[in-house]
Amino acid sequence: MHQAQKVEPSASAEAGWLATLRANALQTAAFQMECTPGYYNGEGRPGEGGLLDGLYGPGSVAFFELARAWRNEGNMAGLEFG
């Protein structure tokens, strides 16, 4: 186990995760354009950070399985310890 004061994702791991999110994104643009401005659509600015912009498209069960597999690798790939 690491004895670290901080843990950060590497730049390449962060870029990789963002690419994964984009590749698996739910197609919600039409809903967001029709939705009343609020938390879900970035206060009426779809694509600029509303709740629906960052969801893992395959769903929570698939995300938890992905996270479990990553943890089970044991090397914490993509993290930088300081």
PDB file of N, CA and C in Angstrom:
ATOM      1  N   MET A   1       0.847  -1.188   0.000  1.00  0.00           N
ATOM      2  CA  MET A   1       0.000   0.000   0.000  1.00  0.00           C
ATOM      3  C   MET A   1       0.883   1.238   0.000  1.00  0.00           C
ATOM      4  N   HIS A   2       0.451   2.267  -0.694  1.00  0.00           N
ATOM      5  CA  HIS A   2       1.202   3.515  -0.799  1.00  0.00           C
ATOM      6  C   HIS A   2       0.998   4.367   0.449  1.00  0.00           C
ATOM      7  N   GLN A   3       2.063   5.024   0.880  1.00  0.00           N
ATOM      8  CA  GLN A   3       1.991   6.002   1.966  1.00  0.00           C
ATOM      9  C   GLN A   3       2.104   7.375   1.312  1.00  0.00           C
ATOM     10  N   ALA A   4       1.010   7.900   0.811  1.00  0.00           N
ATOM     11  CA  ALA A   4       1.034   9.133   0.020  1.00  0.00           C
ATOM     12  C   ALA A   4       0.259  10.240   0.727  1.00  0.00           C
ATOM     13  N   GLN A   5       0.684  11.466   0.461  1.00  0.00           N
ATOM     14  CA  GLN A   5      -0.021  12.645   0.958  1.00  0.00           C
ATOM     15  C   GLN A   5      -1.115  13.079  -0.013  1.00  0.00           C
ATOM     16  N   LYS A   6      -0.926  12.730  -1.296  1.00  0.00           N
ATOM     17  CA  LYS A   6      -1.929  13.075  -2.289  1.00  0.00           C
ATOM     18  C   LYS A   6      -1.927  12.024  -3.395  1.00  0.00           C
ATOM     19  N   VAL A   7      -3.050  11.932  -4.069  1.00  0.00           N
ATOM     20  CA  VAL A   7      -3.213  11.009  -5.183  1.00  0.00           C
ATOM     21  C   VAL A   7      -3.907  11.776  -6.295  1.00  0.00           C
ATOM     22  N   GLU A   8      -3.333  11.724  -7.477  1.00  0.00           N
ATOM     23  CA  GLU A   8      -3.890  12.427  -8.637  1.00  0.00           C
ATOM     24  C   GLU A   8      -3.886  11.473  -9.825  1.00  0.00           C
ATOM     25  N   PRO A   9      -4.853  11.636 -10.739  1.00  0.00           N
ATOM     26  CA  PRO A   9      -4.777  10.849 -11.965  1.00  0.00           C
ATOM     27  C   PRO A   9      -3.687  11.417 -12.867  1.00  0.00           C
ATOM     28  N   SER A  10      -3.034  10.551 -13.612  1.00  0.00           N
ATOM     29  CA  SER A  10      -2.061  11.047 -14.587  1.00  0.00           C
ATOM     30  C   SER A  10      -2.827  11.745 -15.705  1.00  0.00           C
ATOM     31  N   ALA A  11      -2.141  12.605 -16.431  1.00  0.00           N
ATOM     32  CA  ALA A  11      -2.786  13.316 -17.547  1.00  0.00           C
ATOM     33  C   ALA A  11      -3.301  12.324 -18.582  1.00  0.00           C
ATOM     34  N   SER A  12      -2.534  11.279 -18.848  1.00  0.00           N
ATOM     35  CA  SER A  12      -2.981  10.303 -19.846  1.00  0.00           C
ATOM     36  C   SER A  12      -4.177   9.496 -19.349  1.00  0.00           C
ATOM     37  N   ALA A  13      -4.224   9.185 -18.050  1.00  0.00           N
ATOM     38  CA  ALA A  13      -5.375   8.459 -17.495  1.00  0.00           C
ATOM     39  C   ALA A  13      -6.631   9.324 -17.552  1.00  0.00           C
ATOM     40  N   GLU A  14      -6.487  10.604 -17.232  1.00  0.00           N
ATOM     41  CA  GLU A  14      -7.626  11.519 -17.286  1.00  0.00           C
ATOM     42  C   GLU A  14      -8.146  11.640 -18.719  1.00  0.00           C
ATOM     43  N   ALA A  15      -7.235  11.809 -19.668  1.00  0.00           N
ATOM     44  CA  ALA A  15      -7.633  11.909 -21.077  1.00  0.00           C
ATOM     45  C   ALA A  15      -8.302  10.618 -21.538  1.00  0.00           C
ATOM     46  N   GLY A  16      -7.775   9.488 -21.084  1.00  0.00           N
ATOM     47  CA  GLY A  16      -8.364   8.201 -21.441  1.00  0.00           C
ATOM     48  C   GLY A  16      -9.769   8.033 -20.901  1.00  0.00           C
ATOM     49  N   TRP A  17      -9.986   8.470 -19.656  1.00  0.00           N
ATOM     50  CA  TRP A  17     -11.320   8.351 -19.062  1.00  0.00           C
ATOM     51  C   TRP A  17     -12.312   9.272 -19.780  1.00  0.00           C
ATOM     52  N   LEU A  18     -11.887  10.483 -20.112  1.00  0.00           N
ATOM     53  CA  LEU A  18     -12.764  11.396 -20.844  1.00  0.00           C
ATOM     54  C   LEU A  18     -13.123  10.818 -22.215  1.00  0.00           C
ATOM     55  N   ALA A  19     -12.170  10.175 -22.854  1.00  0.00           N
ATOM     56  CA  ALA A  19     -12.449   9.525 -24.139  1.00  0.00           C
ATOM     57  C   ALA A  19     -13.456   8.388 -23.949  1.00  0.00           C
ATOM     58  N   THR A  20     -13.321   7.641 -22.851  1.00  0.00           N
ATOM     59  CA  THR A  20     -14.272   6.564 -22.548  1.00  0.00           C
ATOM     60  C   THR A  20     -15.668   7.133 -22.328  1.00  0.00           C
ATOM     61  N   LEU A  21     -15.765   8.232 -21.590  1.00  0.00           N
ATOM     62  CA  LEU A  21     -17.070   8.861 -21.361  1.00  0.00           C
ATOM     63  C   LEU A  21     -17.698   9.319 -22.668  1.00  0.00           C
ATOM     64  N   ARG A  22     -16.908   9.964 -23.515  1.00  0.00           N
ATOM     65  CA  ARG A  22     -17.445  10.438 -24.801  1.00  0.00           C
ATOM     66  C   ARG A  22     -17.889   9.265 -25.676  1.00  0.00           C
ATOM     67  N   ALA A  23     -17.111   8.200 -25.691  1.00  0.00           N
ATOM     68  CA  ALA A  23     -17.436   7.036 -26.527  1.00  0.00           C
ATOM     69  C   ALA A  23     -18.693   6.318 -26.049  1.00  0.00           C
ATOM     70  N   ASN A  24     -18.996   6.437 -24.757  1.00  0.00           N
ATOM     71  CA  ASN A  24     -20.142   5.743 -24.174  1.00  0.00           C
ATOM     72  C   ASN A  24     -21.264   6.677 -23.752  1.00  0.00           C
ATOM     73  N   ALA A  25     -21.219   7.920 -24.188  1.00  0.00           N
ATOM     74  CA  ALA A  25     -22.181   8.923 -23.748  1.00  0.00           C
ATOM     75  C   ALA A  25     -23.608   8.585 -24.193  1.00  0.00           C
ATOM     76  N   LEU A  26     -24.524   8.904 -23.332  1.00  0.00           N
ATOM     77  CA  LEU A  26     -25.930   8.796 -23.690  1.00  0.00           C
ATOM     78  C   LEU A  26     -26.264   9.934 -24.646  1.00  0.00           C
ATOM     79  N   GLN A  27     -27.102   9.693 -25.586  1.00  0.00           N
ATOM     80  CA  GLN A  27     -27.499  10.728 -26.545  1.00  0.00           C
ATOM     81  C   GLN A  27     -28.681  11.508 -25.945  1.00  0.00           C
ATOM     82  N   THR A  28     -28.359  12.577 -25.239  1.00  0.00           N
ATOM     83  CA  THR A  28     -29.380  13.336 -24.518  1.00  0.00           C
ATOM     84  C   THR A  28     -29.558  14.760 -25.051  1.00  0.00           C
ATOM     85  N   ALA A  29     -28.933  15.090 -26.157  1.00  0.00           N
ATOM     86  CA  ALA A  29     -28.974  16.471 -26.652  1.00  0.00           C
ATOM     87  C   ALA A  29     -30.399  16.963 -26.881  1.00  0.00           C
ATOM     88  N   ALA A  30     -31.243  16.160 -27.499  1.00  0.00           N
ATOM     89  CA  ALA A  30     -32.620  16.591 -27.777  1.00  0.00           C
ATOM     90  C   ALA A  30     -33.370  16.851 -26.472  1.00  0.00           C
ATOM     91  N   PHE A  31     -33.215  15.968 -25.495  1.00  0.00           N
ATOM     92  CA  PHE A  31     -33.869  16.160 -24.199  1.00  0.00           C
ATOM     93  C   PHE A  31     -33.367  17.438 -23.530  1.00  0.00           C
ATOM     94  N   GLN A  32     -32.054  17.634 -23.544  1.00  0.00           N
ATOM     95  CA  GLN A  32     -31.482  18.798 -22.876  1.00  0.00           C
ATOM     96  C   GLN A  32     -31.925  20.109 -23.514  1.00  0.00           C
ATOM     97  N   MET A  33     -32.096  20.121 -24.816  1.00  0.00           N
ATOM     98  CA  MET A  33     -32.535  21.343 -25.494  1.00  0.00           C
ATOM     99  C   MET A  33     -33.978  21.693 -25.136  1.00  0.00           C
ATOM    100  N   GLU A  34     -34.796  20.695 -24.851  1.00  0.00           N
ATOM    101  CA  GLU A  34     -36.204  20.914 -24.514  1.00  0.00           C
ATOM    102  C   GLU A  34     -36.424  21.128 -23.020  1.00  0.00           C
ATOM    103  N   CYS A  35     -35.467  20.740 -22.216  1.00  0.00           N
ATOM    104  CA  CYS A  35     -35.597  20.777 -20.763  1.00  0.00           C
ATOM    105  C   CYS A  35     -35.517  22.217 -20.246  1.00  0.00           C
ATOM    106  N   THR A  36     -36.288  22.510 -19.206  1.00  0.00           N
ATOM    107  CA  THR A  36     -36.194  23.797 -18.521  1.00  0.00           C
ATOM    108  C   THR A  36     -34.772  23.957 -17.994  1.00  0.00           C
ATOM    109  N   PRO A  37     -34.161  25.134 -18.106  1.00  0.00           N
ATOM    110  CA  PRO A  37     -32.803  25.313 -17.603  1.00  0.00           C
ATOM    111  C   PRO A  37     -32.683  24.877 -16.146  1.00  0.00           C
ATOM    112  N   GLY A  38     -31.649  24.140 -15.852  1.00  0.00           N
ATOM    113  CA  GLY A  38     -31.426  23.665 -14.497  1.00  0.00           C
ATOM    114  C   GLY A  38     -30.192  22.792 -14.406  1.00  0.00           C
ATOM    115  N   TYR A  39     -30.126  22.061 -13.325  1.00  0.00           N
ATOM    116  CA  TYR A  39     -28.989  21.215 -12.993  1.00  0.00           C
ATOM    117  C   TYR A  39     -28.682  20.187 -14.082  1.00  0.00           C
ATOM    118  N   TYR A  40     -29.695  19.626 -14.701  1.00  0.00           N
ATOM    119  CA  TYR A  40     -29.511  18.543 -15.660  1.00  0.00           C
ATOM    120  C   TYR A  40     -28.897  18.990 -16.981  1.00  0.00           C
ATOM    121  N   ASN A  41     -29.120  20.213 -17.391  1.00  0.00           N
ATOM    122  CA  ASN A  41     -28.622  20.652 -18.701  1.00  0.00           C
ATOM    123  C   ASN A  41     -27.706  21.874 -18.605  1.00  0.00           C
ATOM    124  N   GLY A  42     -26.997  22.002 -17.500  1.00  0.00           N
ATOM    125  CA  GLY A  42     -26.041  23.107 -17.371  1.00  0.00           C
ATOM    126  C   GLY A  42     -26.705  24.465 -17.398  1.00  0.00           C
ATOM    127  N   GLU A  43     -27.869  24.573 -16.735  1.00  0.00           N
ATOM    128  CA  GLU A  43     -28.627  25.833 -16.689  1.00  0.00           C
ATOM    129  C   GLU A  43     -28.959  26.331 -18.092  1.00  0.00           C
ATOM    130  N   GLY A  44     -29.378  25.393 -18.951  1.00  0.00           N
ATOM    131  CA  GLY A  44     -29.786  25.756 -20.299  1.00  0.00           C
ATOM    132  C   GLY A  44     -28.655  25.790 -21.306  1.00  0.00           C
ATOM    133  N   ARG A  45     -27.487  25.291 -20.922  1.00  0.00           N
ATOM    134  CA  ARG A  45     -26.323  25.253 -21.810  1.00  0.00           C
ATOM    135  C   ARG A  45     -25.853  23.806 -21.973  1.00  0.00           C
ATOM    136  N   PRO A  46     -26.604  22.989 -22.705  1.00  0.00           N
ATOM    137  CA  PRO A  46     -26.211  21.589 -22.892  1.00  0.00           C
ATOM    138  C   PRO A  46     -24.786  21.467 -23.418  1.00  0.00           C
ATOM    139  N   GLY A  47     -24.074  20.486 -22.911  1.00  0.00           N
ATOM    140  CA  GLY A  47     -22.695  20.282 -23.334  1.00  0.00           C
ATOM    141  C   GLY A  47     -21.684  21.092 -22.558  1.00  0.00           C
ATOM    142  N   GLU A  48     -22.164  21.858 -21.575  1.00  0.00           N
ATOM    143  CA  GLU A  48     -21.250  22.703 -20.792  1.00  0.00           C
ATOM    144  C   GLU A  48     -21.220  22.316 -19.322  1.00  0.00           C
ATOM    145  N   GLY A  49     -21.494  21.037 -19.029  1.00  0.00           N
ATOM    146  CA  GLY A  49     -21.297  20.584 -17.660  1.00  0.00           C
ATOM    147  C   GLY A  49     -22.518  20.240 -16.852  1.00  0.00           C
ATOM    148  N   GLY A  50     -23.662  20.084 -17.441  1.00  0.00           N
ATOM    149  CA  GLY A  50     -24.823  19.635 -16.682  1.00  0.00           C
ATOM    150  C   GLY A  50     -24.664  18.188 -16.245  1.00  0.00           C
ATOM    151  N   LEU A  51     -25.509  17.732 -15.364  1.00  0.00           N
ATOM    152  CA  LEU A  51     -25.444  16.367 -14.842  1.00  0.00           C
ATOM    153  C   LEU A  51     -25.411  15.332 -15.960  1.00  0.00           C
ATOM    154  N   LEU A  52     -26.198  15.524 -16.976  1.00  0.00           N
ATOM    155  CA  LEU A  52     -26.295  14.525 -18.039  1.00  0.00           C
ATOM    156  C   LEU A  52     -25.063  14.502 -18.945  1.00  0.00           C
ATOM    157  N   ASP A  53     -24.193  15.491 -18.832  1.00  0.00           N
ATOM    158  CA  ASP A  53     -22.986  15.529 -19.663  1.00  0.00           C
ATOM    159  C   ASP A  53     -21.911  14.568 -19.177  1.00  0.00           C
ATOM    160  N   GLY A  54     -21.964  14.123 -17.932  1.00  0.00           N
ATOM    161  CA  GLY A  54     -20.882  13.305 -17.402  1.00  0.00           C
ATOM    162  C   GLY A  54     -21.264  11.904 -16.997  1.00  0.00           C
ATOM    163  N   LEU A  55     -22.398  11.433 -17.427  1.00  0.00           N
ATOM    164  CA  LEU A  55     -22.824  10.089 -17.041  1.00  0.00           C
ATOM    165  C   LEU A  55     -22.088   9.022 -17.831  1.00  0.00           C
ATOM    166  N   TYR A  56     -21.812   7.914 -17.177  1.00  0.00           N
ATOM    167  CA  TYR A  56     -21.220   6.757 -17.844  1.00  0.00           C
ATOM    168  C   TYR A  56     -22.365   6.004 -18.502  1.00  0.00           C
ATOM    169  N   GLY A  57     -22.443   6.083 -19.815  1.00  0.00           N
ATOM    170  CA  GLY A  57     -23.569   5.573 -20.582  1.00  0.00           C
ATOM    171  C   GLY A  57     -24.001   4.145 -20.314  1.00  0.00           C
ATOM    172  N   PRO A  58     -23.073   3.197 -20.136  1.00  0.00           N
ATOM    173  CA  PRO A  58     -23.500   1.821 -19.908  1.00  0.00           C
ATOM    174  C   PRO A  58     -24.224   1.599 -18.569  1.00  0.00           C
ATOM    175  N   GLY A  59     -24.181   2.576 -17.678  1.00  0.00           N
ATOM    176  CA  GLY A  59     -24.926   2.480 -16.420  1.00  0.00           C
ATOM    177  C   GLY A  59     -24.066   2.171 -15.214  1.00  0.00           C
ATOM    178  N   SER A  60     -24.690   2.255 -14.044  1.00  0.00           N
ATOM    179  CA  SER A  60     -23.949   2.127 -12.792  1.00  0.00           C
ATOM    180  C   SER A  60     -23.403   0.718 -12.575  1.00  0.00           C
ATOM    181  N   VAL A  61     -24.145  -0.315 -12.925  1.00  0.00           N
ATOM    182  CA  VAL A  61     -23.656  -1.680 -12.720  1.00  0.00           C
ATOM    183  C   VAL A  61     -22.383  -1.904 -13.539  1.00  0.00           C
ATOM    184  N   ALA A  62     -22.394  -1.479 -14.806  1.00  0.00           N
ATOM    185  CA  ALA A  62     -21.216  -1.622 -15.653  1.00  0.00           C
ATOM    186  C   ALA A  62     -20.049  -0.792 -15.111  1.00  0.00           C
ATOM    187  N   PHE A  63     -20.338   0.418 -14.591  1.00  0.00           N
ATOM    188  CA  PHE A  63     -19.276   1.248 -14.016  1.00  0.00           C
ATOM    189  C   PHE A  63     -18.657   0.566 -12.808  1.00  0.00           C
ATOM    190  N   PHE A  64     -19.491   0.017 -11.915  1.00  0.00           N
ATOM    191  CA  PHE A  64     -18.956  -0.648 -10.723  1.00  0.00           C
ATOM    192  C   PHE A  64     -18.135  -1.871 -11.101  1.00  0.00           C
ATOM    193  N   GLU A  65     -18.525  -2.589 -12.134  1.00  0.00           N
ATOM    194  CA  GLU A  65     -17.741  -3.732 -12.607  1.00  0.00           C
ATOM    195  C   GLU A  65     -16.403  -3.261 -13.173  1.00  0.00           C
ATOM    196  N   LEU A  66     -16.417  -2.162 -13.913  1.00  0.00           N
ATOM    197  CA  LEU A  66     -15.189  -1.586 -14.456  1.00  0.00           C
ATOM    198  C   LEU A  66     -14.249  -1.159 -13.326  1.00  0.00           C
ATOM    199  N   ALA A  67     -14.781  -0.481 -12.316  1.00  0.00           N
ATOM    200  CA  ALA A  67     -13.977  -0.026 -11.182  1.00  0.00           C
ATOM    201  C   ALA A  67     -13.433  -1.214 -10.393  1.00  0.00           C
ATOM    202  N   ARG A  68     -14.245  -2.247 -10.202  1.00  0.00           N
ATOM    203  CA  ARG A  68     -13.804  -3.440  -9.479  1.00  0.00           C
ATOM    204  C   ARG A  68     -12.637  -4.116 -10.219  1.00  0.00           C
ATOM    205  N   ALA A  69     -12.762  -4.245 -11.531  1.00  0.00           N
ATOM    206  CA  ALA A  69     -11.694  -4.861 -12.324  1.00  0.00           C
ATOM    207  C   ALA A  69     -10.407  -4.037 -12.216  1.00  0.00           C
ATOM    208  N   TRP A  70     -10.524  -2.705 -12.261  1.00  0.00           N
ATOM    209  CA  TRP A  70      -9.363  -1.825 -12.143  1.00  0.00           C
ATOM    210  C   TRP A  70      -8.681  -2.007 -10.786  1.00  0.00           C
ATOM    211  N   ARG A  71      -9.487  -2.030  -9.709  1.00  0.00           N
ATOM    212  CA  ARG A  71      -8.913  -2.217  -8.372  1.00  0.00           C
ATOM    213  C   ARG A  71      -8.254  -3.578  -8.240  1.00  0.00           C
ATOM    214  N   ASN A  72      -8.860  -4.599  -8.833  1.00  0.00           N
ATOM    215  CA  ASN A  72      -8.331  -5.951  -8.716  1.00  0.00           C
ATOM    216  C   ASN A  72      -7.022  -6.146  -9.470  1.00  0.00           C
ATOM    217  N   GLU A  73      -6.709  -5.253 -10.410  1.00  0.00           N
ATOM    218  CA  GLU A  73      -5.415  -5.324 -11.096  1.00  0.00           C
ATOM    219  C   GLU A  73      -4.280  -5.129 -10.102  1.00  0.00           C
ATOM    220  N   GLY A  74      -4.548  -4.361  -9.046  1.00  0.00           N
ATOM    221  CA  GLY A  74      -3.596  -4.198  -7.971  1.00  0.00           C
ATOM    222  C   GLY A  74      -2.521  -3.150  -8.162  1.00  0.00           C
ATOM    223  N   ASN A  75      -2.396  -2.571  -9.320  1.00  0.00           N
ATOM    224  CA  ASN A  75      -1.315  -1.609  -9.532  1.00  0.00           C
ATOM    225  C   ASN A  75      -1.803  -0.155  -9.561  1.00  0.00           C
ATOM    226  N   MET A  76      -3.087   0.060  -9.421  1.00  0.00           N
ATOM    227  CA  MET A  76      -3.657   1.404  -9.412  1.00  0.00           C
ATOM    228  C   MET A  76      -3.225   2.205 -10.651  1.00  0.00           C
ATOM    229  N   ALA A  77      -3.224   1.547 -11.803  1.00  0.00           N
ATOM    230  CA  ALA A  77      -2.798   2.171 -13.061  1.00  0.00           C
ATOM    231  C   ALA A  77      -3.509   3.498 -13.284  1.00  0.00           C
ATOM    232  N   GLY A  78      -2.738   4.499 -13.662  1.00  0.00           N
ATOM    233  CA  GLY A  78      -3.285   5.814 -13.959  1.00  0.00           C
ATOM    234  C   GLY A  78      -3.231   6.789 -12.816  1.00  0.00           C
ATOM    235  N   LEU A  79      -2.811   6.322 -11.618  1.00  0.00           N
ATOM    236  CA  LEU A  79      -2.718   7.218 -10.478  1.00  0.00           C
ATOM    237  C   LEU A  79      -1.264   7.576 -10.203  1.00  0.00           C
ATOM    238  N   GLU A  80      -1.074   8.807  -9.778  1.00  0.00           N
ATOM    239  CA  GLU A  80       0.253   9.281  -9.369  1.00  0.00           C
ATOM    240  C   GLU A  80       0.185   9.622  -7.888  1.00  0.00           C
ATOM    241  N   PHE A  81       1.081   9.042  -7.122  1.00  0.00           N
ATOM    242  CA  PHE A  81       1.113   9.232  -5.671  1.00  0.00           C
ATOM    243  C   PHE A  81       2.216  10.212  -5.300  1.00  0.00           C
ATOM    244  N   GLY A  82       1.900  11.112  -4.397  1.00  0.00           N
ATOM    245  CA  GLY A  82       2.898  12.104  -3.987  1.00  0.00           C
ATOM    246  C   GLY A  82       2.975  12.245  -2.497  1.00  0.00           C
TER     247      GLY A  82
END
